[in-house]
Structures are given as structure tokens and as C-alpha cells.
C-alpha atoms as a PDB file:
ATOM      1  CA  MET A   1      -7.616  10.834   1.986  1.00  0.00           C
ATOM      2  CA  THR A   2      -4.179  12.176   1.206  1.00  0.00           C
ATOM      3  CA  THR A   3      -1.066  10.482  -0.089  1.00  0.00           C
ATOM      4  CA  LYS A   4       2.563  11.479  -0.332  1.00  0.00           C
ATOM      5  CA  PHE A   5       5.174   9.790  -2.496  1.00  0.00           C
ATOM      6  CA  THR A   6       8.896   9.836  -1.636  1.00  0.00           C
ATOM      7  CA  LYS A   7      12.065   7.913  -2.319  1.00  0.00           C
ATOM      8  CA  GLU A   8      14.053   6.655   0.671  1.00  0.00           C
ATOM      9  CA  ALA A   9      17.425   5.163  -0.249  1.00  0.00           C
ATOM     10  CA  ASP A  10      16.554   2.462  -2.790  1.00  0.00           C
ATOM     11  CA  GLN A  11      12.879   2.212  -1.805  1.00  0.00           C
ATOM     12  CA  LEU A  12       9.754   3.949  -3.055  1.00  0.00           C
ATOM     13  CA  VAL A  13       7.501   4.995  -0.185  1.00  0.00           C
ATOM     14  CA  MET A  14       3.843   5.959  -0.321  1.00  0.00           C
ATOM     15  CA  PHE A  15       2.354   7.538   2.808  1.00  0.00           C
ATOM     16  CA  PHE A  16      -1.387   7.319   3.408  1.00  0.00           C
ATOM     17  CA  GLU A  17      -3.421   9.579   5.672  1.00  0.00           C
ATOM     18  CA  GLY A  18      -7.133   9.310   6.371  1.00  0.00           C
ATOM     19  CA  ARG A  19      -9.630   6.790   5.044  1.00  0.00           C
ATOM     20  CA  LEU A  20      -8.918   4.705   1.961  1.00  0.00           C
ATOM     21  CA  ASP A  21     -12.540   3.925   1.141  1.00  0.00           C
ATOM     22  CA  THR A  22     -14.444   3.356  -2.087  1.00  0.00           C
ATOM     23  CA  ALA A  23     -14.844   7.091  -2.711  1.00  0.00           C
ATOM     24  CA  ALA A  24     -11.120   7.798  -2.280  1.00  0.00           C
ATOM     25  CA  ALA A  25      -9.852   4.726  -4.150  1.00  0.00           C
ATOM     26  CA  PRO A  26      -9.866   6.036  -7.770  1.00  0.00           C
ATOM     27  CA  GLN A  27      -7.857   9.170  -6.955  1.00  0.00           C
ATOM     28  CA  THR A  28      -5.526   7.267  -4.646  1.00  0.00           C
ATOM     29  CA  GLU A  29      -4.828   4.713  -7.354  1.00  0.00           C
ATOM     30  CA  LYS A  30      -3.895   7.519  -9.772  1.00  0.00           C
ATOM     31  CA  GLU A  31      -1.540   9.001  -7.170  1.00  0.00           C
ATOM     32  CA  MET A  32       0.115   5.594  -6.787  1.00  0.00           C
ATOM     33  CA  GLN A  33       1.082   5.418 -10.476  1.00  0.00           C
ATOM     34  CA  PRO A  34       4.823   5.863  -9.740  1.00  0.00           C
ATOM     35  CA  LEU A  35       4.670   2.578  -7.816  1.00  0.00           C
ATOM     36  CA  TYR A  36       3.151   0.789 -10.806  1.00  0.00           C
ATOM     37  CA  ASP A  37       5.817   2.303 -13.072  1.00  0.00           C
ATOM     38  CA  SER A  38       8.770   1.295 -10.879  1.00  0.00           C
ATOM     39  CA  THR A  39      11.142  -1.427 -11.968  1.00  0.00           C
ATOM     40  CA  GLY A  40      13.062  -3.458  -9.440  1.00  0.00           C
ATOM     41  CA  GLN A  41      12.767  -1.087  -6.490  1.00  0.00           C
ATOM     42  CA  ASP A  42      11.208  -2.198  -3.238  1.00  0.00           C
ATOM     43  CA  ILE A  43       7.983  -0.477  -2.245  1.00  0.00           C
ATOM     44  CA  VAL A  44       6.878   0.590   1.232  1.00  0.00           C
ATOM     45  CA  LEU A  45       3.222   1.384   1.895  1.00  0.00           C
ATOM     46  CA  ASP A  46       3.321   3.505   5.049  1.00  0.00           C
ATOM     47  CA  CYS A  47      -0.011   3.180   6.840  1.00  0.00           C
ATOM     48  CA  THR A  48       0.971   4.974  10.054  1.00  0.00           C
ATOM     49  CA  LYS A  49      -1.747   7.614   9.526  1.00  0.00           C
ATOM     50  CA  LEU A  50      -4.215   5.410   7.654  1.00  0.00           C
ATOM     51  CA  GLU A  51      -7.413   5.191   9.692  1.00  0.00           C
ATOM     52  CA  TYR A  52      -9.465   2.807   7.551  1.00  0.00           C
ATOM     53  CA  ILE A  53      -9.151   0.662   4.433  1.00  0.00           C
ATOM     54  CA  SER A  54     -12.068  -0.735   2.426  1.00  0.00           C
ATOM     55  CA  SER A  55     -12.087  -3.623  -0.003  1.00  0.00           C
ATOM     56  CA  SER A  56     -11.354  -1.082  -2.758  1.00  0.00           C
ATOM     57  CA  GLY A  57      -8.217  -0.009  -0.918  1.00  0.00           C
ATOM     58  CA  LEU A  58      -7.162  -3.607  -0.384  1.00  0.00           C
ATOM     59  CA  ARG A  59      -7.626  -4.216  -4.111  1.00  0.00           C
ATOM     60  CA  ILE A  60      -5.232  -1.340  -4.863  1.00  0.00           C
ATOM     61  CA  PHE A  61      -2.624  -2.741  -2.454  1.00  0.00           C
ATOM     62  CA  LEU A  62      -2.981  -6.157  -4.085  1.00  0.00           C
ATOM     63  CA  GLY A  63      -2.562  -4.595  -7.525  1.00  0.00           C
ATOM     64  CA  ILE A  64       0.708  -2.990  -6.417  1.00  0.00           C
ATOM     65  CA  LEU A  65       1.920  -6.357  -5.107  1.00  0.00           C
ATOM     66  CA  LYS A  66       0.961  -8.242  -8.279  1.00  0.00           C
ATOM     67  CA  ASN A  67       2.714  -5.620 -10.392  1.00  0.00           C
ATOM     68  CA  ALA A  68       5.890  -5.515  -8.273  1.00  0.00           C
ATOM     69  CA  LYS A  69       6.624  -9.212  -7.716  1.00  0.00           C
ATOM     70  CA  PRO A  70       7.375 -10.139 -11.342  1.00  0.00           C
ATOM     71  CA  LYS A  71       9.869  -7.251 -11.417  1.00  0.00           C
ATOM     72  CA  GLY A  72      11.743  -8.664  -8.411  1.00  0.00           C
ATOM     73  CA  SER A  73      10.459  -6.041  -5.998  1.00  0.00           C
ATOM     74  CA  HIS A  74       9.208  -6.548  -2.462  1.00  0.00           C
ATOM     75  CA  VAL A  75       6.195  -4.705  -1.095  1.00  0.00           C
ATOM     76  CA  TYR A  76       6.308  -3.869   2.605  1.00  0.00           C
ATOM     77  CA  ILE A  77       3.525  -2.503   4.746  1.00  0.00           C
ATOM     78  CA  ARG A  78       4.661  -0.273   7.559  1.00  0.00           C
ATOM     79  CA  GLY A  79       2.879   1.192  10.549  1.00  0.00           C
ATOM     80  CA  ILE A  80      -0.564  -0.431  10.521  1.00  0.00           C
ATOM     81  CA  ASN A  81      -2.682  -0.044  13.641  1.00  0.00           C
ATOM     82  CA  ASP A  82      -4.532  -2.878  15.383  1.00  0.00           C
ATOM     83  CA  GLU A  83      -7.799  -2.288  13.502  1.00  0.00           C
ATOM     84  CA  LEU A  84      -6.096  -2.405  10.117  1.00  0.00           C
ATOM     85  CA  ARG A  85      -4.134  -5.476  11.194  1.00  0.00           C
ATOM     86  CA  LYS A  86      -7.471  -7.219  11.907  1.00  0.00           C
ATOM     87  CA  VAL A  87      -8.728  -6.363   8.406  1.00  0.00           C
ATOM     88  CA  PHE A  88      -5.507  -7.666   6.857  1.00  0.00           C
ATOM     89  CA  ALA A  89      -5.764 -10.858   8.928  1.00  0.00           C
ATOM     90  CA  MET A  90      -9.446 -11.469   8.070  1.00  0.00           C
ATOM     91  CA  THR A  91      -8.776 -11.094   4.360  1.00  0.00           C
ATOM     92  CA  GLY A  92      -5.620 -13.209   4.354  1.00  0.00           C
ATOM     93  CA  PHE A  93      -3.460 -10.249   3.352  1.00  0.00           C
ATOM     94  CA  THR A  94      -1.096 -10.913   6.250  1.00  0.00           C
ATOM     95  CA  ASN A  95       0.067 -13.952   4.274  1.00  0.00           C
ATOM     96  CA  LEU A  96       0.639 -11.930   1.093  1.00  0.00           C
ATOM     97  CA  PHE A  97       2.549  -8.896   2.325  1.00  0.00           C
ATOM     98  CA  GLU A  98       5.709  -8.328   4.316  1.00  0.00           C
ATOM     99  CA  PHE A  99       5.335  -6.067   7.354  1.00  0.00           C
ATOM    100  CA  LYS A 100       7.871  -3.680   8.852  1.00  0.00           C
END
């Protein structure tokens, strides 16, 4: 699992590549710290190269959302494949997040 953090215009973007499973979750969460620290900027979670997400990965995404909303930020998910979309639908996450 690899991540890359960038700023695009007024948005913070985190790119994910590989499998966000239970083993990768602790390190990935540390790498996402700039998203937790942000104030008022929208966040994009780019899942174009994400192959798999476990419940641990979903928990991290939810944590980002819960942290961002009170600050007036939006969290967008970009580039999920059909398999990930099924996981998001089964867990009800399609109702929580905005998709690009």
C-alpha cells in the first residue's frame, strides 16, 4: 500500500495505490495526518489505483469525514472501481460521501 499527498488548487488530495487492508491501515492512517490537520479545505480521496479496502480502511475514511465536516470541509471520493463501489454501497458509505 502506498499513498501520496498533494495539494490541488484549494483541495488536499490523497492518492491510494494497492490494498488498504488491516495490515496497511496503521501506516496509512499516519500518512493521512495532513488531512486530519487541515482546516476548511476540501479533501479528495483518490482511489483510482486502490485495489481493495477492508473495514479498517473504511474506518479511516470515516474518521477523515467526521474530522472534516465540523470544519466546513467536504470529503470527495474519486476514481473508485466497480468492486470498491459495491463495498461502499453494502456498508452505506455511498450515502455518507460525495463522489467525483
